[in-house]
Amino acid sequence: MPKSLITGASYGIGADIARALAGRGHDLVLVARSGEALDRLAVGLESEHGIAVQTLHADLVVEADLERVAEAVCDADILVNNAGAGLGTSFERTTWDEEQRMLRLNVVAPARLLHAALPAMLRRGSGRVLNVSSVAATGPVWQGTTYGASKAFGLALTESLAYSRRLRGSPVALTALVLGHTTSRFHELAGIAPSPPLLTLPSPYVAERAVRAIHRRRPPVVCVPSARYKLLAGLLRHVPRRLLTLPGLADDFTTVACGDAGESAGGDGEHSVLAAEAHGQGERQL
């Protein structure tokens, strides 16, 4: 059976991707900090689908934990880099510790796991990588924060490698999943208000579309699982930046008063970020 490793797997999109892969008969390695939820999911998937599920309780911003996962991913046929974080506070109001944690989770961890997985996949002559990105990666949707920039790294890395001659001529494929507002269990846990229905996609639907995409003979380099978000992502890549300053088109976190920095202020929700926690940080290593 093929084996898939998924980070941020205990809730939301990560858990739904795990369910979609389990439904296709994949053995799984589920990675998250939330031990109880992760173990419940593993038991349920093993019972329902008759597959083998291993759990790794790991905090990907901790070097030793990240290296444990990097070692495990060398045996995986599919890597899903799903764990991520966001800060709902403008850059000058965050602490450097918060910024470092987000960047380690959004930039360093997925790059490290990809760096570990890719050589093994190329040696075996097969493999798929799914990097969960965001419409915020295509333009300054979250103005005044480093979130969009951190997600742009994953999108750019996916495209850079996928279009390289080495990968174009191999059976190994990389795909960036570019998401917008997505409903998931994590929204409830984080206390995030529902997104507008027109801009909201169900997490199971997104997961199924993503898993279907990476199982194609030639997976897409960029997967946007909705016509409305394909249009939005295209516009964000090419629209004049000044238009994004118009009210309602983007969230400008520099306009939030210091006393309100801890409140949920909206966003694309692809990683269920911006929980109403200290400094507005939401994190998805769940």
Protein backbone atom coordinates (compact mmCIF):
# COMPACT_ATOMS: atom_id res chain seq x y z
CA MET A 1 0.00 0.00 0.00
CA PRO A 2 1.22 3.56 -0.65
CA LYS A 3 2.11 5.58 2.43
CA SER A 4 1.21 9.24 2.96
CA LEU A 5 2.55 11.62 5.61
CA ILE A 6 0.33 14.57 6.56
CA THR A 7 1.26 17.42 8.90
CA GLY A 8 -1.38 19.31 10.87
CA ALA A 9 -3.54 16.22 10.57
CA SER A 10 -5.77 16.11 13.63
CA TYR A 11 -8.47 18.60 12.55
CA GLY A 12 -9.78 20.50 9.56
CA ILE A 13 -8.25 20.21 6.13
CA GLY A 14 -5.44 17.96 7.31
CA ALA A 15 -7.84 15.45 8.83
CA ASP A 16 -10.08 15.54 5.75
CA ILE A 17 -7.09 14.96 3.46
CA ALA A 18 -6.19 11.99 5.68
CA ARG A 19 -9.74 10.64 5.29
CA ALA A 20 -9.63 11.10 1.51
CA LEU A 21 -6.30 9.28 1.26
CA ALA A 22 -7.47 6.52 3.59
CA GLY A 23 -10.48 6.05 1.33
CA ARG A 24 -8.05 5.31 -1.50
CA GLY A 25 -6.27 2.67 0.56
CA HIS A 26 -3.22 4.65 1.67
CA ASP A 27 -1.39 3.81 4.86
CA LEU A 28 -0.87 7.02 6.82
CA VAL A 29 1.61 8.81 9.04
CA LEU A 30 -0.30 11.56 10.85
CA VAL A 31 1.69 14.43 12.39
CA ALA A 32 0.37 16.97 14.90
CA ARG A 33 0.82 18.31 18.41
CA SER A 34 -2.67 17.33 19.57
CA GLY A 35 -2.07 13.76 20.71
CA GLU A 36 -5.60 12.81 21.78
CA ALA A 37 -7.35 14.07 18.67
CA LEU A 38 -4.69 12.57 16.44
CA ASP A 39 -4.97 9.17 18.11
CA ARG A 40 -8.78 9.19 17.82
CA LEU A 41 -8.54 9.95 14.13
CA ALA A 42 -5.97 7.18 13.62
CA VAL A 43 -8.11 4.56 15.38
CA GLY A 44 -11.18 5.58 13.37
CA LEU A 45 -9.38 5.44 10.03
CA GLU A 46 -7.80 2.07 10.79
CA SER A 47 -11.16 0.62 11.77
CA GLU A 48 -13.09 2.08 8.85
CA HIS A 49 -10.61 1.50 6.03
CA GLY A 50 -8.43 -1.39 7.22
CA ILE A 51 -5.22 0.58 6.74
CA ALA A 52 -2.16 1.08 8.95
CA VAL A 53 -1.95 4.48 10.64
CA GLN A 54 1.07 5.74 12.55
CA THR A 55 0.90 8.90 14.67
CA LEU A 56 3.78 11.27 15.32
CA HIS A 57 3.19 13.80 18.10
CA ALA A 58 5.51 16.61 17.08
CA ASP A 59 5.84 20.39 17.24
CA LEU A 60 7.36 21.33 13.90
CA VAL A 61 8.94 24.51 15.24
CA VAL A 62 11.09 22.41 17.58
CA GLU A 63 14.23 21.28 15.76
CA ALA A 64 14.38 17.79 17.26
CA ASP A 65 10.70 17.14 16.45
CA LEU A 66 11.10 18.43 12.91
CA GLU A 67 14.06 16.11 12.35
CA ARG A 68 12.04 13.13 13.60
CA VAL A 69 9.36 13.90 11.03
CA ALA A 70 12.00 14.50 8.33
CA GLU A 71 13.34 11.03 8.98
CA ALA A 72 9.87 9.50 8.75
CA VAL A 73 8.99 11.27 5.50
CA CYS A 74 11.81 9.53 3.60
CA ASP A 75 9.59 6.43 3.36
CA ALA A 76 6.46 8.30 2.29
CA ASP A 77 5.02 8.10 -1.21
CA ILE A 78 3.01 11.29 -0.60
CA LEU A 79 3.95 14.27 1.57
CA VAL A 80 1.23 16.75 2.55
CA ASN A 81 2.67 19.94 4.06
CA ASN A 82 -0.49 21.24 5.73
CA ALA A 83 0.59 22.63 9.13
CA GLY A 84 0.70 26.42 9.21
CA ALA A 85 0.15 29.54 11.29
CA GLY A 86 -0.89 33.16 10.96
CA LEU A 87 -0.63 36.34 13.00
CA GLY A 88 -3.63 38.65 13.03
CA THR A 89 -1.57 41.64 14.11
CA SER A 90 0.43 44.06 12.01
CA PHE A 91 4.14 43.37 11.74
CA GLU A 92 5.28 46.19 14.00
CA ARG A 93 2.98 45.01 16.83
CA THR A 94 4.01 41.38 16.96
CA THR A 95 6.87 40.02 19.03
CA TRP A 96 9.86 38.57 17.25
CA ASP A 97 9.25 35.23 18.97
CA GLU A 98 5.78 35.11 17.38
CA GLU A 99 7.17 35.99 13.96
CA GLN A 100 9.89 33.37 14.22
CA ARG A 101 7.41 30.68 15.22
CA MET A 102 5.14 31.45 12.29
CA LEU A 103 8.03 31.55 9.81
CA ARG A 104 9.44 28.29 11.12
CA LEU A 105 6.06 26.64 10.67
CA ASN A 106 5.13 28.20 7.29
CA VAL A 107 8.56 28.34 5.67
CA VAL A 108 11.25 26.26 7.42
CA ALA A 109 9.22 23.14 8.29
CA PRO A 110 7.69 22.49 4.84
CA ALA A 111 11.00 23.21 3.13
CA ARG A 112 12.83 20.83 5.48
CA LEU A 113 10.33 18.02 4.93
CA LEU A 114 10.40 18.53 1.19
CA HIS A 115 14.20 18.52 1.26
CA ALA A 116 14.09 15.16 3.06
CA ALA A 117 11.37 13.59 0.92
CA LEU A 118 12.36 14.66 -2.58
CA PRO A 119 15.67 12.77 -2.99
CA ALA A 120 14.06 9.54 -1.76
CA MET A 121 11.12 9.99 -4.15
CA LEU A 122 13.45 10.63 -7.07
CA ARG A 123 15.49 7.50 -6.24
CA ARG A 124 12.30 5.40 -6.13
CA GLY A 125 10.99 6.99 -9.32
CA SER A 126 7.63 7.97 -7.81
CA GLY A 127 6.12 10.42 -5.36
CA ARG A 128 3.75 13.30 -4.82
CA VAL A 129 4.04 16.44 -2.68
CA LEU A 130 1.08 18.65 -1.76
CA ASN A 131 1.99 22.03 -0.24
CA VAL A 132 -1.04 23.78 1.25
CA SER A 133 -0.84 27.45 0.31
CA SER A 134 -3.29 30.36 0.23
CA VAL A 135 -4.78 33.05 -1.97
CA ALA A 136 -2.84 35.38 0.36
CA ALA A 137 0.28 34.05 -1.39
CA THR A 138 -0.83 35.59 -4.69
CA GLY A 139 -1.19 39.17 -3.46
CA PRO A 140 -1.15 41.39 -0.36
CA VAL A 141 -4.50 40.23 0.98
CA TRP A 142 -3.42 40.53 4.60
CA GLN A 143 -1.76 43.90 4.43
CA GLY A 144 0.76 44.77 7.09
CA THR A 145 1.49 41.15 8.09
CA THR A 146 4.09 38.58 7.10
CA TYR A 147 1.52 35.81 6.60
CA GLY A 148 1.05 36.31 2.86
CA ALA A 149 4.79 36.54 2.34
CA SER A 150 5.34 33.30 4.24
CA LYS A 151 2.70 31.49 2.17
CA ALA A 152 4.15 32.95 -1.04
CA PHE A 153 7.37 31.11 -0.24
CA GLY A 154 5.63 27.73 -0.39
CA LEU A 155 3.89 28.59 -3.65
CA ALA A 156 7.11 29.88 -5.23
CA LEU A 157 9.10 26.87 -4.00
CA THR A 158 6.53 24.47 -5.44
CA GLU A 159 6.60 26.21 -8.83
CA SER A 160 10.39 26.54 -8.87
CA LEU A 161 10.92 22.82 -8.30
CA ALA A 162 7.96 21.55 -10.32
CA TYR A 163 9.04 23.43 -13.46
CA SER A 164 12.68 22.39 -13.14
CA ARG A 165 14.05 20.08 -15.81
CA ARG A 166 14.88 17.46 -13.17
CA LEU A 167 11.28 17.11 -12.01
CA ARG A 168 9.60 17.72 -15.35
CA GLY A 169 11.31 14.61 -16.64
CA SER A 170 10.52 12.45 -13.62
CA PRO A 171 7.41 10.69 -12.23
CA VAL A 172 7.65 12.86 -9.07
CA ALA A 173 5.23 15.79 -8.95
CA LEU A 174 4.69 18.81 -6.71
CA THR A 175 1.38 20.64 -6.30
CA ALA A 176 0.52 23.80 -4.39
CA LEU A 177 -3.04 23.83 -3.04
CA VAL A 178 -4.15 27.47 -3.16
CA LEU A 179 -7.06 28.01 -0.80
CA GLY A 180 -9.39 30.72 0.37
CA HIS A 181 -12.06 30.62 3.08
CA THR A 182 -12.55 26.98 4.07
CA THR A 183 -14.88 25.69 6.75
CA SER A 184 -13.35 23.24 9.15
CA ARG A 185 -13.56 21.98 12.71
CA PHE A 186 -10.66 24.26 13.60
CA HIS A 187 -12.82 27.34 12.98
CA GLU A 188 -15.07 26.25 15.82
CA LEU A 189 -12.15 25.49 18.12
CA ALA A 190 -10.53 28.83 17.40
CA GLY A 191 -13.77 30.80 17.75
CA ILE A 192 -13.52 32.28 14.26
CA ALA A 193 -16.70 33.78 12.80
CA PRO A 194 -18.07 32.07 9.67
CA SER A 195 -16.90 33.46 6.35
CA PRO A 196 -19.38 34.78 3.75
CA PRO A 197 -21.16 31.76 2.20
CA LEU A 198 -20.24 32.85 -1.33
CA LEU A 199 -16.54 32.66 -0.42
CA THR A 200 -16.64 29.55 1.75
CA LEU A 201 -15.67 26.04 0.68
CA PRO A 202 -16.37 22.91 2.77
CA SER A 203 -13.19 21.29 4.04
CA PRO A 204 -14.11 17.73 2.85
CA TYR A 205 -14.77 19.09 -0.65
CA VAL A 206 -11.39 20.85 -0.72
CA ALA A 207 -9.61 17.75 0.55
CA GLU A 208 -11.21 15.46 -2.03
CA ARG A 209 -10.38 17.84 -4.88
CA ALA A 210 -6.77 18.11 -3.70
CA VAL A 211 -6.33 14.34 -3.35
CA ARG A 212 -7.92 13.77 -6.73
CA ALA A 213 -5.53 16.31 -8.28
CA ILE A 214 -2.35 14.70 -6.94
CA HIS A 215 -3.50 11.27 -8.16
CA ARG A 216 -3.66 12.41 -11.76
CA ARG A 217 -1.06 11.02 -14.13
CA ARG A 218 0.17 14.60 -14.50
CA PRO A 219 -0.84 16.51 -11.38
CA PRO A 220 -1.28 20.29 -11.71
CA VAL A 221 1.50 22.46 -10.30
CA VAL A 222 -1.15 24.75 -8.81
CA CYS A 223 -4.52 23.44 -7.66
CA VAL A 224 -7.24 25.99 -6.91
CA PRO A 225 -10.32 23.92 -5.95
CA SER A 226 -12.98 26.43 -6.96
CA ALA A 227 -13.81 28.54 -10.01
CA ARG A 228 -14.41 31.61 -7.85
CA TYR A 229 -11.00 31.31 -6.23
CA LYS A 230 -9.30 30.62 -9.56
CA LEU A 231 -10.66 33.97 -10.68
CA LEU A 232 -9.68 35.67 -7.42
CA ALA A 233 -6.16 34.20 -7.40
CA GLY A 234 -5.68 35.26 -11.02
CA LEU A 235 -6.82 38.79 -10.27
CA LEU A 236 -4.61 39.07 -7.20
CA ARG A 237 -1.57 38.09 -9.25
CA HIS A 238 -2.17 40.80 -11.85
CA VAL A 239 -4.42 43.54 -10.44
CA PRO A 240 -2.70 46.87 -9.73
CA ARG A 241 -1.72 46.87 -6.08
CA ARG A 242 -3.38 50.20 -5.43
CA LEU A 243 -6.78 48.65 -6.10
CA LEU A 244 -6.25 46.34 -3.13
CA THR A 245 -6.38 49.34 -0.82
CA LEU A 246 -10.06 49.86 -1.64
CA PRO A 247 -12.39 49.05 1.30
CA GLY A 248 -13.51 45.42 1.44
CA LEU A 249 -10.89 44.05 -0.96
CA ALA A 250 -8.22 43.26 1.63
CA ASP A 251 -7.63 43.23 5.37
CA ASP A 252 -5.29 46.03 6.43
CA PHE A 253 -4.01 45.07 9.86
CA THR A 254 -2.21 48.37 10.30
CA THR A 255 -5.60 50.02 10.82
CA VAL A 256 -6.44 47.88 13.88
CA ALA A 257 -6.03 49.67 17.17
CA CYS A 258 -3.39 48.26 19.49
CA GLY A 259 -6.03 47.37 22.05
CA ASP A 260 -7.88 45.25 19.46
CA ALA A 261 -4.87 43.27 18.29
CA GLY A 262 -6.04 40.09 19.97
CA GLU A 263 -9.36 39.87 18.09
CA SER A 264 -10.09 37.73 15.10
CA ALA A 265 -10.03 40.07 12.13
CA GLY A 266 -10.91 37.88 9.18
CA GLY A 267 -8.62 36.42 6.57
CA ASP A 268 -8.66 33.63 4.04
CA GLY A 269 -9.06 30.84 6.59
CA GLU A 270 -7.08 28.28 4.59
CA HIS A 271 -5.11 27.40 7.69
CA SER A 272 -7.89 28.42 10.05
CA VAL A 273 -5.70 31.20 11.31
CA LEU A 274 -6.41 34.32 13.34
CA ALA A 275 -7.88 32.63 16.37
CA ALA A 276 -8.88 34.98 19.15
CA GLU A 277 -5.79 34.21 21.16
CA ALA A 278 -2.95 36.31 22.50
CA HIS A 279 -1.85 38.70 19.75
CA GLY A 280 -4.40 37.16 17.35
CA GLN A 281 -2.23 34.17 16.54
CA GLY A 282 -3.89 31.08 15.15
CA GLU A 283 -1.93 27.95 14.46
CA ARG A 284 -2.62 24.75 12.65
CA GLN A 285 -0.33 22.02 13.86
CA LEU A 286 -3.37 20.57 15.53
